[in-house]
N, C-alpha and C. Protein backbone atom coordinates (compact mmCIF):
# COMPACT_ATOMS: atom_id res chain seq x y z
N UNK A 1 0.82 -1.20 0.00
CA UNK A 1 0.00 0.00 0.00
C UNK A 1 0.87 1.26 0.00
N UNK A 2 1.95 1.24 0.78
CA UNK A 2 2.87 2.37 0.78
C UNK A 2 3.50 2.56 -0.60
N UNK A 3 3.85 1.44 -1.22
CA UNK A 3 4.45 1.53 -2.56
C UNK A 3 3.49 2.19 -3.53
N UNK A 4 2.27 1.68 -3.58
CA UNK A 4 1.29 2.21 -4.53
C UNK A 4 0.95 3.67 -4.23
N UNK A 5 0.74 3.98 -2.94
CA UNK A 5 0.37 5.34 -2.56
C UNK A 5 1.45 6.36 -2.87
N UNK A 6 2.69 6.07 -2.44
CA UNK A 6 3.76 7.05 -2.62
C UNK A 6 4.29 7.07 -4.05
N UNK A 7 4.13 6.00 -4.79
CA UNK A 7 4.48 6.05 -6.21
C UNK A 7 3.53 6.98 -6.96
N UNK A 8 2.26 6.95 -6.61
CA UNK A 8 1.31 7.86 -7.24
C UNK A 8 1.65 9.31 -6.89
N UNK A 9 2.00 9.54 -5.62
CA UNK A 9 2.38 10.90 -5.20
C UNK A 9 3.64 11.34 -5.94
N UNK A 10 4.61 10.43 -6.05
CA UNK A 10 5.87 10.76 -6.74
C UNK A 10 5.62 11.15 -8.19
N UNK A 11 4.89 10.31 -8.93
CA UNK A 11 4.65 10.60 -10.34
C UNK A 11 3.73 11.80 -10.51
N UNK A 12 2.87 12.02 -9.54
CA UNK A 12 2.03 13.21 -9.58
C UNK A 12 2.87 14.48 -9.54
N UNK A 13 3.87 14.50 -8.64
CA UNK A 13 4.74 15.67 -8.54
C UNK A 13 5.64 15.81 -9.76
N UNK A 14 6.01 14.71 -10.38
CA UNK A 14 6.78 14.79 -11.62
C UNK A 14 5.98 15.55 -12.68
N UNK A 15 4.69 15.23 -12.81
CA UNK A 15 3.84 15.92 -13.76
C UNK A 15 3.68 17.40 -13.42
N UNK A 16 3.65 17.70 -12.11
CA UNK A 16 3.48 19.09 -11.68
C UNK A 16 4.77 19.88 -11.89
N UNK A 17 5.91 19.29 -11.56
CA UNK A 17 7.18 20.01 -11.62
C UNK A 17 7.66 20.23 -13.05
N UNK A 18 7.47 19.22 -13.91
CA UNK A 18 8.00 19.28 -15.28
C UNK A 18 6.96 19.92 -16.18
N UNK A 19 7.36 20.94 -16.90
CA UNK A 19 6.46 21.68 -17.79
C UNK A 19 6.98 21.63 -19.21
N UNK A 20 6.24 20.93 -20.08
CA UNK A 20 6.62 20.83 -21.50
C UNK A 20 5.41 21.23 -22.33
N UNK A 21 5.50 22.38 -22.99
CA UNK A 21 4.39 22.88 -23.81
C UNK A 21 4.63 22.55 -25.27
N UNK A 22 3.63 21.94 -25.88
CA UNK A 22 3.63 21.70 -27.31
C UNK A 22 2.69 22.72 -27.92
N UNK A 23 3.25 23.69 -28.62
CA UNK A 23 2.50 24.86 -29.08
C UNK A 23 2.02 25.63 -27.84
N UNK A 24 0.76 25.55 -27.49
CA UNK A 24 0.26 26.28 -26.31
C UNK A 24 -0.28 25.36 -25.24
N UNK A 25 -0.21 24.03 -25.46
CA UNK A 25 -0.80 23.07 -24.52
C UNK A 25 0.30 22.33 -23.78
N UNK A 26 0.16 22.21 -22.44
CA UNK A 26 1.08 21.46 -21.61
C UNK A 26 0.81 19.98 -21.80
N UNK A 27 1.78 19.23 -22.34
CA UNK A 27 1.59 17.80 -22.61
C UNK A 27 1.78 16.96 -21.35
N UNK A 28 2.23 17.57 -20.25
CA UNK A 28 2.30 16.90 -18.95
C UNK A 28 1.35 17.65 -18.01
N UNK A 29 0.05 17.40 -18.13
CA UNK A 29 -0.95 18.23 -17.46
C UNK A 29 -0.89 18.17 -15.94
N UNK A 30 -0.86 19.35 -15.34
CA UNK A 30 -0.85 19.45 -13.88
C UNK A 30 -2.08 18.85 -13.23
N UNK A 31 -3.30 19.02 -13.78
CA UNK A 31 -4.47 18.42 -13.12
C UNK A 31 -4.36 16.92 -12.92
N UNK A 32 -3.79 16.21 -13.91
CA UNK A 32 -3.60 14.76 -13.75
C UNK A 32 -2.59 14.49 -12.64
N UNK A 33 -1.55 15.31 -12.57
CA UNK A 33 -0.56 15.16 -11.50
C UNK A 33 -1.18 15.33 -10.13
N UNK A 34 -2.00 16.36 -9.97
CA UNK A 34 -2.65 16.60 -8.69
C UNK A 34 -3.64 15.48 -8.34
N UNK A 35 -4.28 14.92 -9.37
CA UNK A 35 -5.20 13.81 -9.10
C UNK A 35 -4.43 12.58 -8.62
N UNK A 36 -3.26 12.33 -9.21
CA UNK A 36 -2.43 11.22 -8.73
C UNK A 36 -2.01 11.43 -7.28
N UNK A 37 -1.66 12.67 -6.94
CA UNK A 37 -1.29 12.99 -5.55
C UNK A 37 -2.49 12.76 -4.63
N UNK A 38 -3.66 13.24 -5.03
CA UNK A 38 -4.88 13.02 -4.25
C UNK A 38 -5.13 11.54 -4.04
N UNK A 39 -5.02 10.76 -5.10
CA UNK A 39 -5.27 9.32 -5.02
C UNK A 39 -4.26 8.63 -4.10
N UNK A 40 -2.98 9.04 -4.21
CA UNK A 40 -1.95 8.44 -3.37
C UNK A 40 -2.14 8.74 -1.89
N UNK A 41 -2.43 10.00 -1.57
CA UNK A 41 -2.67 10.37 -0.17
C UNK A 41 -3.90 9.67 0.37
N UNK A 42 -4.92 9.53 -0.45
CA UNK A 42 -6.14 8.83 -0.05
C UNK A 42 -5.85 7.38 0.32
N UNK A 43 -5.02 6.71 -0.47
CA UNK A 43 -4.65 5.32 -0.19
C UNK A 43 -3.90 5.20 1.14
N UNK A 44 -2.92 6.09 1.34
CA UNK A 44 -2.12 6.05 2.56
C UNK A 44 -2.99 6.39 3.78
N UNK A 45 -3.86 7.37 3.63
CA UNK A 45 -4.77 7.73 4.72
C UNK A 45 -5.63 6.54 5.14
N UNK A 46 -6.20 5.85 4.17
CA UNK A 46 -7.06 4.71 4.47
C UNK A 46 -6.30 3.58 5.14
N UNK A 47 -5.05 3.36 4.69
CA UNK A 47 -4.27 2.25 5.24
C UNK A 47 -3.90 2.50 6.69
N UNK A 48 -3.47 3.73 7.00
CA UNK A 48 -3.02 4.04 8.36
C UNK A 48 -4.13 4.61 9.25
N UNK A 49 -5.28 4.92 8.66
CA UNK A 49 -6.34 5.53 9.45
C UNK A 49 -6.08 7.00 9.73
N UNK A 50 -5.29 7.64 8.86
CA UNK A 50 -5.00 9.07 9.03
C UNK A 50 -6.11 9.91 8.38
N UNK A 51 -6.07 11.19 8.68
CA UNK A 51 -6.98 12.14 8.03
C UNK A 51 -6.16 13.33 7.55
N UNK A 52 -5.12 13.02 6.78
CA UNK A 52 -4.24 14.06 6.29
C UNK A 52 -4.97 14.95 5.29
N UNK A 53 -4.89 16.26 5.50
CA UNK A 53 -5.64 17.22 4.68
C UNK A 53 -5.01 17.48 3.32
N UNK A 54 -3.87 16.85 3.09
CA UNK A 54 -3.23 17.03 1.79
C UNK A 54 -4.11 16.57 0.63
N UNK A 55 -4.95 15.57 0.88
CA UNK A 55 -5.81 15.08 -0.21
C UNK A 55 -6.84 16.15 -0.61
N UNK A 56 -7.30 16.95 0.35
CA UNK A 56 -8.26 18.00 0.02
C UNK A 56 -7.60 19.12 -0.80
N UNK A 57 -6.35 19.46 -0.42
CA UNK A 57 -5.62 20.48 -1.17
C UNK A 57 -5.34 19.99 -2.58
N UNK A 58 -4.92 18.72 -2.71
CA UNK A 58 -4.63 18.17 -4.03
C UNK A 58 -5.88 18.13 -4.90
N UNK A 59 -7.01 17.76 -4.30
CA UNK A 59 -8.26 17.70 -5.06
C UNK A 59 -8.67 19.10 -5.53
N UNK A 60 -8.49 20.10 -4.67
CA UNK A 60 -8.80 21.47 -5.08
C UNK A 60 -7.91 21.93 -6.21
N UNK A 61 -6.63 21.52 -6.17
CA UNK A 61 -5.70 21.92 -7.21
C UNK A 61 -5.98 21.22 -8.54
N UNK A 62 -6.66 20.07 -8.50
CA UNK A 62 -7.05 19.42 -9.76
C UNK A 62 -7.86 20.39 -10.62
N UNK A 63 -8.77 21.12 -9.98
CA UNK A 63 -9.63 22.05 -10.72
C UNK A 63 -8.97 23.43 -10.90
N UNK A 64 -8.27 23.89 -9.85
CA UNK A 64 -7.65 25.21 -9.94
C UNK A 64 -6.51 25.25 -10.95
N UNK A 65 -5.90 24.10 -11.22
CA UNK A 65 -4.74 24.08 -12.11
C UNK A 65 -5.12 23.90 -13.57
N UNK A 66 -6.40 23.81 -13.88
CA UNK A 66 -6.82 23.63 -15.28
C UNK A 66 -6.26 24.70 -16.22
N UNK A 67 -6.24 25.98 -15.81
CA UNK A 67 -5.67 27.01 -16.72
C UNK A 67 -4.19 26.82 -17.02
N UNK A 68 -3.46 26.05 -16.17
CA UNK A 68 -2.03 25.86 -16.43
C UNK A 68 -1.79 25.03 -17.69
N UNK A 69 -2.84 24.41 -18.21
CA UNK A 69 -2.71 23.69 -19.48
C UNK A 69 -2.32 24.63 -20.61
N UNK A 70 -2.65 25.91 -20.43
CA UNK A 70 -2.43 26.89 -21.50
C UNK A 70 -1.54 28.06 -21.07
N UNK A 71 -1.20 28.14 -19.76
CA UNK A 71 -0.37 29.24 -19.27
C UNK A 71 1.03 28.72 -18.96
N UNK A 72 2.03 29.30 -19.58
CA UNK A 72 3.41 28.94 -19.30
C UNK A 72 3.94 29.81 -18.17
N UNK A 73 4.88 29.25 -17.41
CA UNK A 73 5.45 30.01 -16.28
C UNK A 73 6.12 31.29 -16.75
N UNK A 74 6.62 31.30 -17.98
CA UNK A 74 7.30 32.49 -18.48
C UNK A 74 6.34 33.68 -18.61
N UNK A 75 5.05 33.39 -18.72
CA UNK A 75 4.07 34.46 -18.92
C UNK A 75 3.92 35.33 -17.69
N UNK A 76 4.48 34.87 -16.54
CA UNK A 76 4.38 35.66 -15.31
C UNK A 76 5.05 37.01 -15.48
N UNK A 77 6.01 37.09 -16.41
CA UNK A 77 6.72 38.35 -16.61
C UNK A 77 5.85 39.37 -17.35
N UNK A 78 5.06 38.87 -18.33
CA UNK A 78 4.31 39.79 -19.16
C UNK A 78 2.92 40.12 -18.63
N UNK A 79 2.23 39.17 -18.02
CA UNK A 79 0.82 39.35 -17.69
C UNK A 79 0.62 39.34 -16.18
N UNK A 80 0.09 40.41 -15.63
CA UNK A 80 -0.10 40.52 -14.19
C UNK A 80 -1.16 39.56 -13.69
N UNK A 81 -2.22 39.31 -14.49
CA UNK A 81 -3.27 38.38 -14.08
C UNK A 81 -2.71 36.97 -13.93
N UNK A 82 -1.89 36.56 -14.90
CA UNK A 82 -1.25 35.25 -14.82
C UNK A 82 -0.26 35.19 -13.66
N UNK A 83 0.40 36.31 -13.38
CA UNK A 83 1.35 36.38 -12.28
C UNK A 83 0.67 36.10 -10.95
N UNK A 84 -0.48 36.73 -10.73
CA UNK A 84 -1.23 36.52 -9.49
C UNK A 84 -1.72 35.08 -9.39
N UNK A 85 -2.22 34.56 -10.50
CA UNK A 85 -2.73 33.18 -10.53
C UNK A 85 -1.64 32.17 -10.23
N UNK A 86 -0.49 32.31 -10.91
CA UNK A 86 0.61 31.37 -10.70
C UNK A 86 1.20 31.49 -9.29
N UNK A 87 1.17 32.69 -8.72
CA UNK A 87 1.62 32.86 -7.34
C UNK A 87 0.70 32.13 -6.38
N UNK A 88 -0.62 32.17 -6.67
CA UNK A 88 -1.58 31.44 -5.85
C UNK A 88 -1.35 29.93 -5.92
N UNK A 89 -1.10 29.44 -7.14
CA UNK A 89 -0.81 28.01 -7.31
C UNK A 89 0.46 27.63 -6.55
N UNK A 90 1.47 28.53 -6.60
CA UNK A 90 2.72 28.26 -5.88
C UNK A 90 2.51 28.18 -4.38
N UNK A 91 1.67 29.05 -3.84
CA UNK A 91 1.38 29.02 -2.40
C UNK A 91 0.64 27.73 -2.03
N UNK A 92 -0.33 27.34 -2.86
CA UNK A 92 -1.08 26.10 -2.59
C UNK A 92 -0.18 24.87 -2.71
N UNK A 93 0.80 24.92 -3.63
CA UNK A 93 1.78 23.83 -3.72
C UNK A 93 2.58 23.73 -2.43
N UNK A 94 2.90 24.87 -1.84
CA UNK A 94 3.64 24.88 -0.58
C UNK A 94 2.79 24.30 0.55
N UNK A 95 1.51 24.65 0.56
CA UNK A 95 0.59 24.08 1.56
C UNK A 95 0.47 22.57 1.37
N UNK A 96 0.37 22.12 0.12
CA UNK A 96 0.29 20.69 -0.18
C UNK A 96 1.53 19.96 0.30
N UNK A 97 2.70 20.52 0.02
CA UNK A 97 3.96 19.91 0.47
C UNK A 97 4.00 19.84 1.99
N UNK A 98 3.51 20.87 2.67
CA UNK A 98 3.48 20.88 4.14
C UNK A 98 2.68 19.69 4.67
N UNK A 99 1.51 19.47 4.12
CA UNK A 99 0.68 18.35 4.59
C UNK A 99 1.30 17.00 4.25
N UNK A 100 1.98 16.91 3.11
CA UNK A 100 2.62 15.65 2.75
C UNK A 100 3.80 15.35 3.67
N UNK A 101 4.54 16.38 4.07
CA UNK A 101 5.61 16.17 5.04
C UNK A 101 5.02 15.71 6.38
N UNK A 102 3.88 16.29 6.78
CA UNK A 102 3.23 15.86 8.01
C UNK A 102 2.81 14.40 7.92
N UNK A 103 2.37 13.97 6.74
CA UNK A 103 2.00 12.57 6.53
C UNK A 103 3.21 11.66 6.71
N UNK A 104 4.33 12.06 6.11
CA UNK A 104 5.54 11.24 6.22
C UNK A 104 6.08 11.22 7.65
N UNK A 105 6.00 12.36 8.33
CA UNK A 105 6.44 12.41 9.73
C UNK A 105 5.60 11.46 10.58
N UNK A 106 4.30 11.44 10.35
CA UNK A 106 3.40 10.56 11.11
C UNK A 106 3.74 9.09 10.87
N UNK A 107 4.06 8.75 9.61
CA UNK A 107 4.41 7.37 9.29
C UNK A 107 5.71 6.97 9.95
N UNK A 108 6.73 7.83 9.90
CA UNK A 108 8.02 7.51 10.51
C UNK A 108 7.90 7.39 12.02
N UNK A 109 7.03 8.20 12.64
CA UNK A 109 6.80 8.09 14.08
C UNK A 109 6.12 6.77 14.42
N UNK A 110 5.11 6.42 13.66
CA UNK A 110 4.36 5.20 13.94
C UNK A 110 5.24 3.97 13.78
N UNK A 111 6.16 4.03 12.84
CA UNK A 111 7.06 2.90 12.60
C UNK A 111 8.27 2.92 13.53
N UNK A 112 8.41 4.00 14.31
CA UNK A 112 9.54 4.17 15.24
C UNK A 112 10.87 4.06 14.50
N UNK A 113 10.91 4.66 13.33
CA UNK A 113 12.13 4.67 12.51
C UNK A 113 12.81 6.02 12.71
N UNK A 114 13.70 6.10 13.70
CA UNK A 114 14.33 7.37 14.05
C UNK A 114 15.18 7.97 12.94
N UNK A 115 16.01 7.19 12.23
CA UNK A 115 16.79 7.79 11.13
C UNK A 115 15.89 8.38 10.04
N UNK A 116 14.83 7.67 9.69
CA UNK A 116 13.91 8.18 8.68
C UNK A 116 13.16 9.41 9.19
N UNK A 117 12.80 9.37 10.45
CA UNK A 117 12.11 10.52 11.05
C UNK A 117 13.01 11.76 11.03
N UNK A 118 14.28 11.58 11.36
CA UNK A 118 15.22 12.70 11.36
C UNK A 118 15.44 13.23 9.95
N UNK A 119 15.58 12.34 8.99
CA UNK A 119 15.76 12.77 7.59
C UNK A 119 14.54 13.53 7.11
N UNK A 120 13.35 13.05 7.48
CA UNK A 120 12.11 13.71 7.04
C UNK A 120 11.98 15.10 7.63
N UNK A 121 12.22 15.23 8.92
CA UNK A 121 12.08 16.54 9.57
C UNK A 121 13.13 17.52 9.06
N UNK A 122 14.34 17.05 8.82
CA UNK A 122 15.40 17.93 8.29
C UNK A 122 15.05 18.40 6.89
N UNK A 123 14.62 17.47 6.03
CA UNK A 123 14.22 17.84 4.68
C UNK A 123 13.02 18.78 4.70
N UNK A 124 12.12 18.54 5.62
CA UNK A 124 10.93 19.39 5.77
C UNK A 124 11.31 20.84 6.08
N UNK A 125 12.21 21.03 7.03
CA UNK A 125 12.62 22.38 7.41
C UNK A 125 13.32 23.08 6.25
N UNK A 126 14.27 22.39 5.61
CA UNK A 126 15.01 22.99 4.50
C UNK A 126 14.07 23.31 3.35
N UNK A 127 13.18 22.38 3.02
CA UNK A 127 12.26 22.57 1.90
C UNK A 127 11.33 23.75 2.14
N UNK A 128 10.71 23.80 3.30
CA UNK A 128 9.73 24.85 3.57
C UNK A 128 10.39 26.22 3.62
N UNK A 129 11.56 26.34 4.25
CA UNK A 129 12.24 27.63 4.33
C UNK A 129 12.65 28.10 2.93
N UNK A 130 13.24 27.18 2.13
CA UNK A 130 13.70 27.55 0.80
C UNK A 130 12.54 27.94 -0.11
N UNK A 131 11.48 27.11 -0.14
CA UNK A 131 10.37 27.38 -1.03
C UNK A 131 9.56 28.60 -0.59
N UNK A 132 9.45 28.80 0.71
CA UNK A 132 8.74 30.00 1.19
C UNK A 132 9.51 31.25 0.78
N UNK A 133 10.84 31.19 0.88
CA UNK A 133 11.68 32.33 0.49
C UNK A 133 11.53 32.63 -1.00
N UNK A 134 11.55 31.58 -1.84
CA UNK A 134 11.41 31.78 -3.28
C UNK A 134 10.01 32.28 -3.64
N UNK A 135 8.99 31.76 -2.95
CA UNK A 135 7.62 32.21 -3.21
C UNK A 135 7.44 33.66 -2.80
N UNK A 136 8.08 34.04 -1.69
CA UNK A 136 8.01 35.42 -1.21
C UNK A 136 8.66 36.37 -2.21
N UNK A 137 9.82 35.98 -2.74
CA UNK A 137 10.51 36.82 -3.73
C UNK A 137 9.72 36.90 -5.03
N UNK A 138 9.07 35.80 -5.40
CA UNK A 138 8.31 35.77 -6.65
C UNK A 138 7.16 36.76 -6.62
N UNK A 139 6.60 36.97 -5.43
CA UNK A 139 5.49 37.91 -5.31
C UNK A 139 5.91 39.34 -5.66
N UNK A 140 7.21 39.64 -5.50
CA UNK A 140 7.71 40.99 -5.79
C UNK A 140 8.50 41.05 -7.10
N UNK A 141 8.53 39.93 -7.83
CA UNK A 141 9.35 39.88 -9.04
C UNK A 141 8.82 40.80 -10.13
N UNK A 142 7.54 41.11 -10.09
CA UNK A 142 6.96 41.96 -11.14
C UNK A 142 7.55 43.37 -11.11
N UNK A 143 8.08 43.77 -9.95
CA UNK A 143 8.68 45.11 -9.80
C UNK A 143 10.18 45.12 -10.06
N UNK A 144 10.75 43.97 -10.41
CA UNK A 144 12.18 43.89 -10.63
C UNK A 144 12.55 44.45 -11.99
N UNK A 145 13.78 44.92 -12.12
CA UNK A 145 14.29 45.32 -13.42
C UNK A 145 14.55 44.08 -14.26
N UNK A 146 14.76 44.28 -15.54
CA UNK A 146 14.95 43.13 -16.42
C UNK A 146 16.18 42.32 -16.05
N UNK A 147 17.27 43.00 -15.70
CA UNK A 147 18.48 42.30 -15.30
C UNK A 147 18.30 41.52 -14.02
N UNK A 148 17.67 42.15 -13.03
CA UNK A 148 17.42 41.48 -11.76
C UNK A 148 16.48 40.31 -11.94
N UNK A 149 15.50 40.47 -12.82
CA UNK A 149 14.55 39.40 -13.09
C UNK A 149 15.25 38.16 -13.65
N UNK A 150 16.20 38.35 -14.55
CA UNK A 150 16.91 37.22 -15.13
C UNK A 150 17.72 36.47 -14.07
N UNK A 151 18.39 37.24 -13.18
CA UNK A 151 19.14 36.61 -12.09
C UNK A 151 18.20 35.84 -11.16
N UNK A 152 17.04 36.42 -10.90
CA UNK A 152 16.07 35.75 -10.02
C UNK A 152 15.56 34.46 -10.64
N UNK A 153 15.32 34.48 -11.95
CA UNK A 153 14.83 33.27 -12.63
C UNK A 153 15.86 32.15 -12.54
N UNK A 154 17.14 32.50 -12.79
CA UNK A 154 18.20 31.49 -12.72
C UNK A 154 18.36 30.98 -11.29
N UNK A 155 18.36 31.90 -10.33
CA UNK A 155 18.52 31.55 -8.92
C UNK A 155 17.40 30.63 -8.45
N UNK A 156 16.16 31.01 -8.73
CA UNK A 156 15.02 30.23 -8.28
C UNK A 156 14.94 28.88 -8.98
N UNK A 157 15.33 28.83 -10.26
CA UNK A 157 15.29 27.57 -11.01
C UNK A 157 16.28 26.56 -10.42
N UNK A 158 17.50 27.02 -10.11
CA UNK A 158 18.52 26.12 -9.56
C UNK A 158 18.14 25.62 -8.18
N UNK A 159 17.81 26.55 -7.29
CA UNK A 159 17.48 26.15 -5.92
C UNK A 159 16.18 25.35 -5.87
N UNK A 160 15.20 25.74 -6.71
CA UNK A 160 13.95 24.99 -6.76
C UNK A 160 14.16 23.58 -7.24
N UNK A 161 15.02 23.41 -8.26
CA UNK A 161 15.30 22.08 -8.79
C UNK A 161 15.97 21.21 -7.75
N UNK A 162 16.98 21.74 -7.07
CA UNK A 162 17.73 20.96 -6.07
C UNK A 162 16.82 20.51 -4.93
N UNK A 163 16.03 21.45 -4.39
CA UNK A 163 15.21 21.11 -3.23
C UNK A 163 14.09 20.15 -3.61
N UNK A 164 13.59 20.26 -4.84
CA UNK A 164 12.54 19.34 -5.28
C UNK A 164 13.09 17.95 -5.54
N UNK A 165 14.35 17.85 -5.95
CA UNK A 165 14.99 16.54 -6.12
C UNK A 165 15.09 15.84 -4.76
N UNK A 166 15.47 16.58 -3.72
CA UNK A 166 15.52 16.00 -2.38
C UNK A 166 14.13 15.54 -1.94
N UNK A 167 13.12 16.33 -2.26
CA UNK A 167 11.75 15.97 -1.89
C UNK A 167 11.30 14.70 -2.62
N UNK A 168 11.58 14.62 -3.91
CA UNK A 168 11.21 13.44 -4.68
C UNK A 168 11.96 12.20 -4.19
N UNK A 169 13.22 12.37 -3.83
CA UNK A 169 14.00 11.24 -3.31
C UNK A 169 13.40 10.73 -2.01
N UNK A 170 12.88 11.64 -1.18
CA UNK A 170 12.24 11.22 0.07
C UNK A 170 10.94 10.46 -0.21
N UNK A 171 10.18 10.92 -1.19
CA UNK A 171 8.96 10.20 -1.57
C UNK A 171 9.29 8.79 -2.05
N UNK A 172 10.36 8.65 -2.83
CA UNK A 172 10.78 7.32 -3.28
C UNK A 172 11.18 6.44 -2.11
N UNK A 173 11.84 7.03 -1.13
CA UNK A 173 12.24 6.29 0.07
C UNK A 173 11.02 5.70 0.77
N UNK A 174 9.97 6.50 0.92
CA UNK A 174 8.76 6.01 1.59
C UNK A 174 8.04 4.97 0.75
N UNK A 175 8.16 5.05 -0.57
CA UNK A 175 7.51 4.05 -1.42
C UNK A 175 8.17 2.69 -1.30
N UNK A 176 9.41 2.65 -0.82
CA UNK A 176 10.15 1.40 -0.70
C UNK A 176 9.98 0.74 0.67
N UNK A 177 9.25 1.39 1.58
CA UNK A 177 9.02 0.82 2.90
C UNK A 177 8.02 -0.32 2.82
N UNK A 178 8.16 -1.29 3.73
CA UNK A 178 7.17 -2.36 3.81
C UNK A 178 5.89 -1.82 4.42
N UNK A 179 4.80 -2.54 4.25
CA UNK A 179 3.52 -2.10 4.78
C UNK A 179 3.35 -2.44 6.26
N UNK A 180 4.34 -3.08 6.86
CA UNK A 180 4.26 -3.43 8.27
C UNK A 180 4.39 -2.21 9.16
N UNK A 181 4.15 -2.36 10.47
CA UNK A 181 4.23 -1.23 11.39
C UNK A 181 5.64 -0.78 11.71
N UNK A 182 6.64 -1.59 11.35
CA UNK A 182 8.03 -1.22 11.63
C UNK A 182 8.81 -1.27 10.35
N UNK A 183 10.11 -0.99 10.45
CA UNK A 183 10.96 -0.98 9.27
C UNK A 183 11.28 -2.36 8.75
N UNK A 184 10.95 -3.41 9.52
CA UNK A 184 11.23 -4.76 9.08
C UNK A 184 10.16 -5.24 8.13
N UNK A 185 10.53 -6.18 7.29
CA UNK A 185 9.54 -6.76 6.40
C UNK A 185 8.56 -7.61 7.16
N UNK A 186 7.40 -7.88 6.56
CA UNK A 186 6.37 -8.64 7.24
C UNK A 186 6.51 -10.14 7.04
N UNK A 187 7.26 -10.55 6.05
CA UNK A 187 7.31 -11.96 5.72
C UNK A 187 7.94 -12.79 6.81
N UNK A 188 8.97 -12.22 7.50
CA UNK A 188 9.65 -12.97 8.54
C UNK A 188 8.73 -13.22 9.72
N UNK A 189 7.77 -12.33 9.97
CA UNK A 189 6.88 -12.49 11.10
C UNK A 189 5.69 -13.37 10.76
N UNK A 190 5.26 -13.35 9.48
CA UNK A 190 4.05 -14.07 9.12
C UNK A 190 4.31 -15.54 8.87
N UNK A 191 5.56 -15.92 8.50
CA UNK A 191 5.87 -17.31 8.21
C UNK A 191 6.47 -17.98 9.42
N UNK A 192 5.90 -19.14 9.84
CA UNK A 192 6.46 -19.84 11.00
C UNK A 192 7.79 -20.46 10.67
N UNK A 193 8.67 -20.67 11.66
CA UNK A 193 9.98 -21.29 11.40
C UNK A 193 9.83 -22.72 10.95
N UNK A 194 10.75 -23.16 10.10
CA UNK A 194 10.74 -24.54 9.61
C UNK A 194 11.36 -25.44 10.66
N UNK A 195 10.65 -26.47 11.02
CA UNK A 195 11.14 -27.42 12.04
C UNK A 195 11.41 -28.78 11.41
N UNK A 196 12.46 -29.37 11.88
CA UNK A 196 12.84 -30.70 11.37
C UNK A 196 12.02 -31.75 12.10
N UNK A 197 11.66 -32.83 11.39
CA UNK A 197 10.91 -33.93 12.00
C UNK A 197 11.80 -34.91 12.73
N UNK A 198 13.12 -34.77 12.56
CA UNK A 198 14.05 -35.70 13.20
C UNK A 198 14.26 -35.31 14.66
């Protein structure tokens, strides 16, 4: 269940993070990505009995992200309406990531996996601080000069890429966990030891 749930979340974020426009249409649609995230969180919630609110945010983004099929991120420079819209999507992405980190923290606590718990909380702090800083700067980017804007685009692209790679790697880590309550596999506990008849 963890594999299926977190794999859906992982591939959902791949669709959200990667933007490839063919003419004017995004061939990696964000709404499908958000639906995969919603579906993955729903699976994990049901398995553990959690009520993580990330699924509600992801479901809302399924509909709110429909215009991104036709709006490229580069348009934030030219159009103020698109700038406000994309900033809103960025903030909601940050809220979604917050809830997903809370989900992973809850799982690592329940499994009593201290190394995984420490890695999750550390990544959570770094991710939220970095992305909040970039989102805050993006809100004022419309007032930047052309030269400053280019530096900001390069800066945010590099740091955003690095921090999202760490986030995706953590999602993959959780997808590889067994469905048991601890870090050990379930097969050793479910199968009785083999005894000799001699």
